[in-house]
């Protein structure tokens, strides 16, 4: 709740006129408690988990219209009922764990100093803080993920997430309840180290979940704007990790690729891509010599 009764008081406090964004924020939040504002995350997560994967559902249903060439594991298909069942499982965990956890974790938000007042952060401050959050989450998630691929961690916890060897968008948050709790630590660590505004926190939670859905999409779209993010892993990178499954000792990072490169856990993936490139080139040569027929070995390697 803002400590101002009127916009004039806010203007006097800041020593300047409010920006359009600050005026909107004042009108929206002035009479709302900080706890109420924090709980917006529950609504945002519900909307993201429900609606962001929906285009991927339609694409999966319309693969024959030209989307099949973007499917990373093209011999694997997911029915609508299978995707709906995954969504129901995610929502069950959301209602029983994620939502209550959000409601109960507010004291930690106040403790680290995430604020709701004026002035609002500049766009560069938001970008800088989000960059820190992604970097911190990626590094800590990398090591937790490696632990979860140990014998005990995988068999007791992480195997649930790997039930989808060919990921789908709805499966991004699909995991054992203990894994959800454990991976909440990297998510919160960045804002705890560099606390910002509640709006920045909202953006962080939303973008991280949207990114997770994108990397679990099962499709590698060449027009994706994430292709222009340096060291970004993406769907193809993480899909390989799911494809290999329990035996995977590669591609542990959640967002970027630098940790896997530094610690040598991307060698299997890089070798895999090298083999695919070689076979693709050979198939082009064979196709040219056989009247132009083209055989796509990538499909066999990725899907058999």
C-alpha atoms as a PDB file:
ATOM      1  CA  UNK A   1       0.000   0.000   0.000  1.00  0.00           C
ATOM      2  CA  UNK A   2       1.398   3.372  -0.976  1.00  0.00           C
ATOM      3  CA  UNK A   3       1.994   5.912   1.826  1.00  0.00           C
ATOM      4  CA  UNK A   4       0.163   8.645  -0.090  1.00  0.00           C
ATOM      5  CA  UNK A   5      -3.486   9.615   0.015  1.00  0.00           C
ATOM      6  CA  UNK A   6      -3.404  11.675  -3.161  1.00  0.00           C
ATOM      7  CA  UNK A   7      -1.368  11.891  -6.313  1.00  0.00           C
ATOM      8  CA  UNK A   8      -0.338  15.401  -5.271  1.00  0.00           C
ATOM      9  CA  UNK A   9       1.327  13.973  -2.175  1.00  0.00           C
ATOM     10  CA  UNK A  10       3.195  11.493  -4.340  1.00  0.00           C
ATOM     11  CA  UNK A  11       4.286  14.290  -6.668  1.00  0.00           C
ATOM     12  CA  UNK A  12       5.559  16.317  -3.717  1.00  0.00           C
ATOM     13  CA  UNK A  13       7.433  13.308  -2.338  1.00  0.00           C
ATOM     14  CA  UNK A  14       9.160  12.626  -5.659  1.00  0.00           C
ATOM     15  CA  UNK A  15       9.827  16.286  -6.399  1.00  0.00           C
ATOM     16  CA  UNK A  16       8.500  15.856  -9.930  1.00  0.00           C
ATOM     17  CA  UNK A  17       5.396  14.900 -11.850  1.00  0.00           C
ATOM     18  CA  UNK A  18       4.537  11.232 -12.012  1.00  0.00           C
ATOM     19  CA  UNK A  19       5.136   9.436 -15.280  1.00  0.00           C
ATOM     20  CA  UNK A  20       2.200   7.828 -17.056  1.00  0.00           C
ATOM     21  CA  UNK A  21       3.275   4.432 -15.714  1.00  0.00           C
ATOM     22  CA  UNK A  22       3.599   5.789 -12.171  1.00  0.00           C
ATOM     23  CA  UNK A  23       0.182   7.418 -12.369  1.00  0.00           C
ATOM     24  CA  UNK A  24      -1.328   4.114 -13.478  1.00  0.00           C
ATOM     25  CA  UNK A  25       0.482   2.301 -10.668  1.00  0.00           C
ATOM     26  CA  UNK A  26      -0.728   4.849  -8.115  1.00  0.00           C
ATOM     27  CA  UNK A  27      -4.331   4.518  -9.217  1.00  0.00           C
ATOM     28  CA  UNK A  28      -4.130   0.738  -9.158  1.00  0.00           C
ATOM     29  CA  UNK A  29      -2.092   0.053  -6.027  1.00  0.00           C
ATOM     30  CA  UNK A  30      -2.643   3.000  -3.674  1.00  0.00           C
ATOM     31  CA  UNK A  31      -5.348   1.230  -1.669  1.00  0.00           C
ATOM     32  CA  UNK A  32      -4.127  -2.348  -2.105  1.00  0.00           C
ATOM     33  CA  UNK A  33      -1.963  -4.071   0.482  1.00  0.00           C
ATOM     34  CA  UNK A  34       1.502  -5.321  -0.425  1.00  0.00           C
ATOM     35  CA  UNK A  35       0.328  -8.847   0.323  1.00  0.00           C
ATOM     36  CA  UNK A  36      -2.546  -8.503  -2.131  1.00  0.00           C
ATOM     37  CA  UNK A  37      -0.162  -7.235  -4.805  1.00  0.00           C
ATOM     38  CA  UNK A  38       2.252 -10.087  -4.170  1.00  0.00           C
ATOM     39  CA  UNK A  39      -0.557 -12.624  -4.531  1.00  0.00           C
ATOM     40  CA  UNK A  40      -1.056 -11.477  -8.109  1.00  0.00           C
ATOM     41  CA  UNK A  41       1.624 -14.061  -8.874  1.00  0.00           C
ATOM     42  CA  UNK A  42      -0.935 -16.804  -8.324  1.00  0.00           C
ATOM     43  CA  UNK A  43      -3.165 -15.376 -11.036  1.00  0.00           C
ATOM     44  CA  UNK A  44      -0.230 -14.779 -13.382  1.00  0.00           C
ATOM     45  CA  UNK A  45       1.043 -18.343 -12.967  1.00  0.00           C
ATOM     46  CA  UNK A  46      -2.413 -19.795 -13.546  1.00  0.00           C
ATOM     47  CA  UNK A  47      -2.842 -17.772 -16.739  1.00  0.00           C
ATOM     48  CA  UNK A  48       0.645 -18.683 -17.984  1.00  0.00           C
ATOM     49  CA  UNK A  49       0.321 -22.400 -17.244  1.00  0.00           C
ATOM     50  CA  UNK A  50      -3.103 -22.436 -18.903  1.00  0.00           C
ATOM     51  CA  UNK A  51      -2.840 -20.214 -21.964  1.00  0.00           C
ATOM     52  CA  UNK A  52       0.818 -19.961 -23.039  1.00  0.00           C
ATOM     53  CA  UNK A  53       1.042 -23.656 -24.047  1.00  0.00           C
ATOM     54  CA  UNK A  54      -2.264 -23.540 -25.964  1.00  0.00           C
ATOM     55  CA  UNK A  55      -0.740 -22.457 -29.317  1.00  0.00           C
ATOM     56  CA  UNK A  56       1.558 -25.475 -29.047  1.00  0.00           C
ATOM     57  CA  UNK A  57      -1.498 -27.703 -28.633  1.00  0.00           C
ATOM     58  CA  UNK A  58      -2.993 -26.348 -31.861  1.00  0.00           C
ATOM     59  CA  UNK A  59       0.358 -26.707 -33.641  1.00  0.00           C
ATOM     60  CA  UNK A  60       0.587 -30.332 -32.504  1.00  0.00           C
ATOM     61  CA  UNK A  61      -2.915 -30.930 -33.887  1.00  0.00           C
ATOM     62  CA  UNK A  62      -2.025 -29.265 -37.228  1.00  0.00           C
ATOM     63  CA  UNK A  63       1.413 -30.733 -37.836  1.00  0.00           C
ATOM     64  CA  UNK A  64       0.369 -31.931 -41.276  1.00  0.00           C
ATOM     65  CA  UNK A  65      -0.090 -28.309 -42.370  1.00  0.00           C
ATOM     66  CA  UNK A  66       3.665 -27.712 -42.395  1.00  0.00           C
ATOM     67  CA  UNK A  67       4.620 -27.631 -38.716  1.00  0.00           C
ATOM     68  CA  UNK A  68       6.042 -31.136 -38.715  1.00  0.00           C
ATOM     69  CA  UNK A  69       9.374 -29.897 -40.076  1.00  0.00           C
ATOM     70  CA  UNK A  70       9.870 -27.908 -36.869  1.00  0.00           C
ATOM     71  CA  UNK A  71       9.118 -30.844 -34.575  1.00  0.00           C
ATOM     72  CA  UNK A  72      12.322 -31.918 -32.833  1.00  0.00           C
ATOM     73  CA  UNK A  73      11.192 -35.524 -32.369  1.00  0.00           C
ATOM     74  CA  UNK A  74       8.886 -35.845 -35.403  1.00  0.00           C
ATOM     75  CA  UNK A  75       8.006 -39.520 -34.863  1.00  0.00           C
ATOM     76  CA  UNK A  76       6.476 -38.698 -31.491  1.00  0.00           C
ATOM     77  CA  UNK A  77       2.914 -37.375 -31.352  1.00  0.00           C
ATOM     78  CA  UNK A  78       0.887 -36.214 -28.368  1.00  0.00           C
ATOM     79  CA  UNK A  79      -2.882 -36.534 -28.440  1.00  0.00           C
ATOM     80  CA  UNK A  80      -5.176 -33.853 -27.083  1.00  0.00           C
ATOM     81  CA  UNK A  81      -6.221 -36.171 -24.259  1.00  0.00           C
ATOM     82  CA  UNK A  82      -2.577 -36.737 -23.273  1.00  0.00           C
ATOM     83  CA  UNK A  83      -1.858 -33.024 -23.206  1.00  0.00           C
ATOM     84  CA  UNK A  84      -5.053 -32.364 -21.267  1.00  0.00           C
ATOM     85  CA  UNK A  85      -4.101 -35.014 -18.721  1.00  0.00           C
ATOM     86  CA  UNK A  86      -0.726 -33.323 -18.259  1.00  0.00           C
ATOM     87  CA  UNK A  87      -2.463 -29.981 -17.723  1.00  0.00           C
ATOM     88  CA  UNK A  88      -4.759 -31.498 -15.114  1.00  0.00           C
ATOM     89  CA  UNK A  89      -1.780 -32.947 -13.249  1.00  0.00           C
ATOM     90  CA  UNK A  90      -0.040 -29.551 -13.326  1.00  0.00           C
ATOM     91  CA  UNK A  91      -3.168 -27.794 -12.055  1.00  0.00           C
ATOM     92  CA  UNK A  92      -3.566 -30.318  -9.267  1.00  0.00           C
ATOM     93  CA  UNK A  93      -0.056 -29.549  -8.053  1.00  0.00           C
ATOM     94  CA  UNK A  94      -0.729 -25.854  -8.561  1.00  0.00           C
ATOM     95  CA  UNK A  95      -3.786 -25.923  -6.301  1.00  0.00           C
ATOM     96  CA  UNK A  96      -2.269 -28.165  -3.648  1.00  0.00           C
ATOM     97  CA  UNK A  97       1.280 -26.768  -3.535  1.00  0.00           C
ATOM     98  CA  UNK A  98       2.234 -23.833  -5.751  1.00  0.00           C
ATOM     99  CA  UNK A  99      -0.691 -21.591  -4.807  1.00  0.00           C
ATOM    100  CA  UNK A 100      -0.431 -22.196  -1.040  1.00  0.00           C
ATOM    101  CA  UNK A 101       3.330 -21.762  -1.232  1.00  0.00           C
ATOM    102  CA  UNK A 102       2.855 -18.370  -2.862  1.00  0.00           C
ATOM    103  CA  UNK A 103       0.416 -17.359  -0.144  1.00  0.00           C
ATOM    104  CA  UNK A 104       2.776 -18.472   2.631  1.00  0.00           C
ATOM    105  CA  UNK A 105       6.023 -17.051   1.222  1.00  0.00           C
ATOM    106  CA  UNK A 106       5.099 -13.376   1.493  1.00  0.00           C
ATOM    107  CA  UNK A 107       7.181 -12.775   4.689  1.00  0.00           C
ATOM    108  CA  UNK A 108      10.324 -13.738   2.760  1.00  0.00           C
ATOM    109  CA  UNK A 109       9.459 -11.138   0.122  1.00  0.00           C
ATOM    110  CA  UNK A 110       9.194  -8.434   2.769  1.00  0.00           C
ATOM    111  CA  UNK A 111      12.363  -9.648   4.467  1.00  0.00           C
ATOM    112  CA  UNK A 112      14.563  -9.273   1.371  1.00  0.00           C
ATOM    113  CA  UNK A 113      13.125  -5.831   0.611  1.00  0.00           C
ATOM    114  CA  UNK A 114      11.035  -6.162  -2.540  1.00  0.00           C
ATOM    115  CA  UNK A 115       9.114  -2.887  -2.641  1.00  0.00           C
ATOM    116  CA  UNK A 116       5.804  -1.744  -4.067  1.00  0.00           C
ATOM    117  CA  UNK A 117       6.101   2.022  -3.790  1.00  0.00           C
ATOM    118  CA  UNK A 118       7.197   4.929  -5.940  1.00  0.00           C
ATOM    119  CA  UNK A 119       9.257   5.707  -7.922  1.00  0.00           C
ATOM    120  CA  UNK A 120       8.940   2.879 -10.386  1.00  0.00           C
ATOM    121  CA  UNK A 121      12.196   1.374 -11.661  1.00  0.00           C
ATOM    122  CA  UNK A 122      13.509   2.525 -15.014  1.00  0.00           C
ATOM    123  CA  UNK A 123      13.431   0.109 -17.916  1.00  0.00           C
ATOM    124  CA  UNK A 124      17.212  -0.284 -17.717  1.00  0.00           C
ATOM    125  CA  UNK A 125      17.014  -1.093 -14.019  1.00  0.00           C
ATOM    126  CA  UNK A 126      14.394  -3.739 -14.780  1.00  0.00           C
ATOM    127  CA  UNK A 127      16.493  -5.226 -17.589  1.00  0.00           C
ATOM    128  CA  UNK A 128      19.628  -5.274 -15.419  1.00  0.00           C
ATOM    129  CA  UNK A 129      17.852  -6.955 -12.511  1.00  0.00           C
ATOM    130  CA  UNK A 130      16.129  -9.502 -14.740  1.00  0.00           C
ATOM    131  CA  UNK A 131      19.518 -10.344 -16.271  1.00  0.00           C
ATOM    132  CA  UNK A 132      20.924 -10.979 -12.795  1.00  0.00           C
ATOM    133  CA  UNK A 133      17.923 -13.102 -11.878  1.00  0.00           C
ATOM    134  CA  UNK A 134      18.283 -15.261 -14.978  1.00  0.00           C
ATOM    135  CA  UNK A 135      22.029 -15.687 -14.469  1.00  0.00           C
ATOM    136  CA  UNK A 136      21.714 -16.590 -10.782  1.00  0.00           C
ATOM    137  CA  UNK A 137      18.821 -18.972 -11.408  1.00  0.00           C
ATOM    138  CA  UNK A 138      20.604 -20.632 -14.298  1.00  0.00           C
ATOM    139  CA  UNK A 139      23.789 -21.277 -12.319  1.00  0.00           C
ATOM    140  CA  UNK A 140      22.132 -22.612  -9.177  1.00  0.00           C
ATOM    141  CA  UNK A 141      19.559 -24.595 -11.153  1.00  0.00           C
ATOM    142  CA  UNK A 142      22.420 -26.211 -13.086  1.00  0.00           C
ATOM    143  CA  UNK A 143      23.944 -27.751  -9.960  1.00  0.00           C
ATOM    144  CA  UNK A 144      20.616 -28.791  -8.462  1.00  0.00           C
ATOM    145  CA  UNK A 145      19.684 -30.387 -11.787  1.00  0.00           C
ATOM    146  CA  UNK A 146      22.950 -32.320 -11.832  1.00  0.00           C
ATOM    147  CA  UNK A 147      22.224 -33.583  -8.332  1.00  0.00           C
ATOM    148  CA  UNK A 148      18.763 -34.682  -9.419  1.00  0.00           C
ATOM    149  CA  UNK A 149      20.366 -36.822 -12.125  1.00  0.00           C
ATOM    150  CA  UNK A 150      22.220 -38.834  -9.522  1.00  0.00           C
ATOM    151  CA  UNK A 151      20.820 -42.280  -8.770  1.00  0.00           C
ATOM    152  CA  UNK A 152      18.857 -41.273  -5.676  1.00  0.00           C
ATOM    153  CA  UNK A 153      17.713 -37.866  -6.961  1.00  0.00           C
ATOM    154  CA  UNK A 154      16.492 -39.257 -10.244  1.00  0.00           C
ATOM    155  CA  UNK A 155      14.717 -42.356  -8.938  1.00  0.00           C
ATOM    156  CA  UNK A 156      13.039 -40.607  -6.022  1.00  0.00           C
ATOM    157  CA  UNK A 157      12.277 -37.185  -7.501  1.00  0.00           C
ATOM    158  CA  UNK A 158      13.356 -36.171 -11.003  1.00  0.00           C
ATOM    159  CA  UNK A 159      12.055 -39.183 -12.927  1.00  0.00           C
ATOM    160  CA  UNK A 160       8.560 -37.675 -12.737  1.00  0.00           C
ATOM    161  CA  UNK A 161       9.593 -34.718 -14.899  1.00  0.00           C
ATOM    162  CA  UNK A 162      11.296 -37.097 -17.343  1.00  0.00           C
ATOM    163  CA  UNK A 163       8.128 -39.065 -17.949  1.00  0.00           C
ATOM    164  CA  UNK A 164       7.937 -36.859 -21.028  1.00  0.00           C
ATOM    165  CA  UNK A 165      10.925 -37.983 -23.092  1.00  0.00           C
ATOM    166  CA  UNK A 166       9.520 -35.801 -25.867  1.00  0.00           C
ATOM    167  CA  UNK A 167       8.550 -32.605 -23.994  1.00  0.00           C
ATOM    168  CA  UNK A 168       5.340 -30.656 -24.491  1.00  0.00           C
ATOM    169  CA  UNK A 169       4.546 -27.135 -23.350  1.00  0.00           C
ATOM    170  CA  UNK A 170       2.197 -28.190 -20.561  1.00  0.00           C
ATOM    171  CA  UNK A 171       4.944 -30.417 -19.115  1.00  0.00           C
ATOM    172  CA  UNK A 172       7.280 -27.530 -18.270  1.00  0.00           C
ATOM    173  CA  UNK A 173       6.045 -27.334 -14.632  1.00  0.00           C
ATOM    174  CA  UNK A 174       5.180 -31.046 -14.483  1.00  0.00           C
ATOM    175  CA  UNK A 175       7.345 -32.463 -11.695  1.00  0.00           C
ATOM    176  CA  UNK A 176       7.450 -34.193  -8.330  1.00  0.00           C
ATOM    177  CA  UNK A 177       6.187 -31.934  -5.550  1.00  0.00           C
ATOM    178  CA  UNK A 178       9.602 -31.986  -3.859  1.00  0.00           C
ATOM    179  CA  UNK A 179      11.304 -30.877  -7.061  1.00  0.00           C
ATOM    180  CA  UNK A 180       8.922 -27.934  -7.271  1.00  0.00           C
ATOM    181  CA  UNK A 181       9.966 -26.911  -3.762  1.00  0.00           C
ATOM    182  CA  UNK A 182      13.685 -27.416  -4.405  1.00  0.00           C
ATOM    183  CA  UNK A 183      13.714 -25.479  -7.673  1.00  0.00           C
ATOM    184  CA  UNK A 184      11.902 -22.622  -5.980  1.00  0.00           C
ATOM    185  CA  UNK A 185      15.230 -21.807  -4.299  1.00  0.00           C
ATOM    186  CA  UNK A 186      17.065 -20.754  -7.509  1.00  0.00           C
ATOM    187  CA  UNK A 187      13.984 -18.816  -8.594  1.00  0.00           C
ATOM    188  CA  UNK A 188      13.922 -16.767  -5.396  1.00  0.00           C
ATOM    189  CA  UNK A 189      17.695 -16.410  -4.957  1.00  0.00           C
ATOM    190  CA  UNK A 190      18.157 -13.680  -7.577  1.00  0.00           C
ATOM    191  CA  UNK A 191      15.482 -11.350  -6.155  1.00  0.00           C
ATOM    192  CA  UNK A 192      16.883 -12.040  -2.676  1.00  0.00           C
ATOM    193  CA  UNK A 193      20.390 -10.957  -3.761  1.00  0.00           C
ATOM    194  CA  UNK A 194      19.246  -7.961  -5.830  1.00  0.00           C
ATOM    195  CA  UNK A 195      15.777  -6.989  -4.559  1.00  0.00           C
ATOM    196  CA  UNK A 196      13.762  -4.748  -6.819  1.00  0.00           C
ATOM    197  CA  UNK A 197      10.229  -3.573  -7.357  1.00  0.00           C
ATOM    198  CA  UNK A 198       7.204  -5.853  -7.241  1.00  0.00           C
ATOM    199  CA  UNK A 199       6.652  -5.209 -10.939  1.00  0.00           C
ATOM    200  CA  UNK A 200      10.137  -6.537 -11.678  1.00  0.00           C
ATOM    201  CA  UNK A 201       9.375  -9.567  -9.534  1.00  0.00           C
ATOM    202  CA  UNK A 202       6.145 -10.182 -11.434  1.00  0.00           C
ATOM    203  CA  UNK A 203       8.013  -9.957 -14.728  1.00  0.00           C
ATOM    204  CA  UNK A 204      10.687 -12.341 -13.487  1.00  0.00           C
ATOM    205  CA  UNK A 205       8.221 -15.022 -12.433  1.00  0.00           C
ATOM    206  CA  UNK A 206       6.253 -14.668 -15.673  1.00  0.00           C
ATOM    207  CA  UNK A 207       9.255 -14.639 -18.028  1.00  0.00           C
ATOM    208  CA  UNK A 208      10.918 -17.586 -16.312  1.00  0.00           C
ATOM    209  CA  UNK A 209       7.812 -19.720 -16.698  1.00  0.00           C
ATOM    210  CA  UNK A 210       7.249 -18.637 -20.306  1.00  0.00           C
ATOM    211  CA  UNK A 211      10.883 -19.484 -21.044  1.00  0.00           C
ATOM    212  CA  UNK A 212      10.424 -22.931 -19.479  1.00  0.00           C
ATOM    213  CA  UNK A 213       7.363 -23.572 -21.639  1.00  0.00           C
ATOM    214  CA  UNK A 214       9.297 -22.516 -24.740  1.00  0.00           C
ATOM    215  CA  UNK A 215      12.186 -24.881 -23.985  1.00  0.00           C
ATOM    216  CA  UNK A 216       9.726 -27.735 -23.380  1.00  0.00           C
ATOM    217  CA  UNK A 217       7.691 -26.968 -26.484  1.00  0.00           C
ATOM    218  CA  UNK A 218       9.109 -29.815 -28.560  1.00  0.00           C
ATOM    219  CA  UNK A 219       9.455 -27.457 -31.515  1.00  0.00           C
ATOM    220  CA  UNK A 220      12.457 -25.548 -32.820  1.00  0.00           C
ATOM    221  CA  UNK A 221      11.061 -22.533 -34.647  1.00  0.00           C
ATOM    222  CA  UNK A 222      13.672 -20.549 -36.628  1.00  0.00           C
ATOM    223  CA  UNK A 223      11.741 -17.300 -36.124  1.00  0.00           C
ATOM    224  CA  UNK A 224      11.780 -17.477 -32.314  1.00  0.00           C
ATOM    225  CA  UNK A 225      13.160 -14.198 -30.862  1.00  0.00           C
ATOM    226  CA  UNK A 226      15.111 -16.234 -28.300  1.00  0.00           C
ATOM    227  CA  UNK A 227      17.433 -17.238 -31.148  1.00  0.00           C
ATOM    228  CA  UNK A 228      19.030 -13.794 -30.760  1.00  0.00           C
ATOM    229  CA  UNK A 229      19.799 -14.145 -27.036  1.00  0.00           C
ATOM    230  CA  UNK A 230      23.503 -14.917 -26.495  1.00  0.00           C
ATOM    231  CA  UNK A 231      24.220 -18.373 -25.042  1.00  0.00           C
ATOM    232  CA  UNK A 232      20.518 -19.234 -24.922  1.00  0.00           C
ATOM    233  CA  UNK A 233      19.790 -22.960 -24.963  1.00  0.00           C
ATOM    234  CA  UNK A 234      16.270 -23.192 -26.282  1.00  0.00           C
ATOM    235  CA  UNK A 235      13.957 -26.049 -27.172  1.00  0.00           C
ATOM    236  CA  UNK A 236      16.379 -28.145 -29.220  1.00  0.00           C
ATOM    237  CA  UNK A 237      19.025 -27.934 -26.490  1.00  0.00           C
ATOM    238  CA  UNK A 238      16.717 -29.049 -23.688  1.00  0.00           C
ATOM    239  CA  UNK A 239      14.841 -31.558 -25.831  1.00  0.00           C
ATOM    240  CA  UNK A 240      18.055 -33.566 -26.155  1.00  0.00           C
ATOM    241  CA  UNK A 241      18.285 -33.762 -22.370  1.00  0.00           C
ATOM    242  CA  UNK A 242      14.767 -35.224 -22.174  1.00  0.00           C
ATOM    243  CA  UNK A 243      15.394 -37.560 -25.087  1.00  0.00           C
ATOM    244  CA  UNK A 244      18.392 -39.158 -23.378  1.00  0.00           C
ATOM    245  CA  UNK A 245      16.511 -39.309 -20.081  1.00  0.00           C
ATOM    246  CA  UNK A 246      17.945 -40.923 -16.965  1.00  0.00           C
ATOM    247  CA  UNK A 247      21.296 -41.577 -18.588  1.00  0.00           C
ATOM    248  CA  UNK A 248      21.667 -37.936 -19.565  1.00  0.00           C
ATOM    249  CA  UNK A 249      24.783 -36.234 -18.303  1.00  0.00           C
ATOM    250  CA  UNK A 250      24.362 -33.370 -20.715  1.00  0.00           C
ATOM    251  CA  UNK A 251      22.509 -30.070 -21.013  1.00  0.00           C
ATOM    252  CA  UNK A 252      21.633 -29.490 -17.350  1.00  0.00           C
ATOM    253  CA  UNK A 253      21.319 -25.702 -17.572  1.00  0.00           C
ATOM    254  CA  UNK A 254      17.817 -24.289 -17.444  1.00  0.00           C
ATOM    255  CA  UNK A 255      18.271 -21.236 -19.682  1.00  0.00           C
ATOM    256  CA  UNK A 256      21.794 -20.614 -20.997  1.00  0.00           C
ATOM    257  CA  UNK A 257      24.542 -22.922 -22.267  1.00  0.00           C
ATOM    258  CA  UNK A 258      27.648 -21.489 -20.587  1.00  0.00           C
ATOM    259  CA  UNK A 259      27.563 -23.722 -17.487  1.00  0.00           C
ATOM    260  CA  UNK A 260      27.363 -26.888 -19.585  1.00  0.00           C
ATOM    261  CA  UNK A 261      30.233 -25.614 -21.731  1.00  0.00           C
ATOM    262  CA  UNK A 262      32.438 -24.606 -18.787  1.00  0.00           C
ATOM    263  CA  UNK A 263      31.889 -27.859 -16.875  1.00  0.00           C
ATOM    264  CA  UNK A 264      31.979 -30.106 -19.931  1.00  0.00           C
ATOM    265  CA  UNK A 265      28.411 -31.365 -19.724  1.00  0.00           C
ATOM    266  CA  UNK A 266      27.465 -30.484 -23.280  1.00  0.00           C
ATOM    267  CA  UNK A 267      29.838 -32.918 -25.001  1.00  0.00           C
ATOM    268  CA  UNK A 268      27.154 -35.502 -25.688  1.00  0.00           C
ATOM    269  CA  UNK A 269      24.898 -32.883 -27.253  1.00  0.00           C
ATOM    270  CA  UNK A 270      27.662 -31.382 -29.376  1.00  0.00           C
ATOM    271  CA  UNK A 271      28.691 -34.837 -30.606  1.00  0.00           C
ATOM    272  CA  UNK A 272      25.055 -35.622 -31.346  1.00  0.00           C
ATOM    273  CA  UNK A 273      24.702 -32.454 -33.437  1.00  0.00           C
ATOM    274  CA  UNK A 274      27.960 -33.209 -35.229  1.00  0.00           C
ATOM    275  CA  UNK A 275      26.688 -36.650 -36.222  1.00  0.00           C
ATOM    276  CA  UNK A 276      23.379 -35.186 -37.396  1.00  0.00           C
ATOM    277  CA  UNK A 277      25.143 -32.612 -39.564  1.00  0.00           C
ATOM    278  CA  UNK A 278      27.327 -35.314 -41.107  1.00  0.00           C
ATOM    279  CA  UNK A 279      24.408 -37.611 -41.838  1.00  0.00           C
ATOM    280  CA  UNK A 280      22.352 -34.762 -43.230  1.00  0.00           C
ATOM    281  CA  UNK A 281      25.138 -33.844 -45.634  1.00  0.00           C
ATOM    282  CA  UNK A 282      25.520 -37.463 -46.699  1.00  0.00           C
ATOM    283  CA  UNK A 283      21.792 -37.785 -47.269  1.00  0.00           C
ATOM    284  CA  UNK A 284      21.823 -34.691 -49.470  1.00  0.00           C
ATOM    285  CA  UNK A 285      24.551 -36.204 -51.612  1.00  0.00           C
ATOM    286  CA  UNK A 286      22.698 -39.526 -51.831  1.00  0.00           C
ATOM    287  CA  UNK A 287      19.471 -37.722 -52.631  1.00  0.00           C
ATOM    288  CA  UNK A 288      21.090 -35.816 -55.471  1.00  0.00           C
ATOM    289  CA  UNK A 289      22.487 -39.012 -56.939  1.00  0.00           C
ATOM    290  CA  UNK A 290      19.103 -40.752 -56.661  1.00  0.00           C
ATOM    291  CA  UNK A 291      17.049 -38.248 -58.585  1.00  0.00           C
ATOM    292  CA  UNK A 292      16.519 -35.740 -55.803  1.00  0.00           C
ATOM    293  CA  UNK A 293      14.893 -37.932 -53.113  1.00  0.00           C
ATOM    294  CA  UNK A 294      15.668 -36.742 -49.619  1.00  0.00           C
ATOM    295  CA  UNK A 295      15.891 -38.883 -46.519  1.00  0.00           C
ATOM    296  CA  UNK A 296      15.929 -37.105 -43.157  1.00  0.00           C
ATOM    297  CA  UNK A 297      18.175 -39.093 -40.800  1.00  0.00           C
ATOM    298  CA  UNK A 298      17.600 -36.554 -38.051  1.00  0.00           C
ATOM    299  CA  UNK A 299      14.157 -38.040 -37.522  1.00  0.00           C
ATOM    300  CA  UNK A 300      15.513 -41.554 -37.029  1.00  0.00           C
ATOM    301  CA  UNK A 301      18.220 -40.486 -34.618  1.00  0.00           C
ATOM    302  CA  UNK A 302      15.934 -38.306 -32.567  1.00  0.00           C
ATOM    303  CA  UNK A 303      12.878 -40.488 -32.499  1.00  0.00           C
ATOM    304  CA  UNK A 304      13.740 -44.175 -32.629  1.00  0.00           C
END
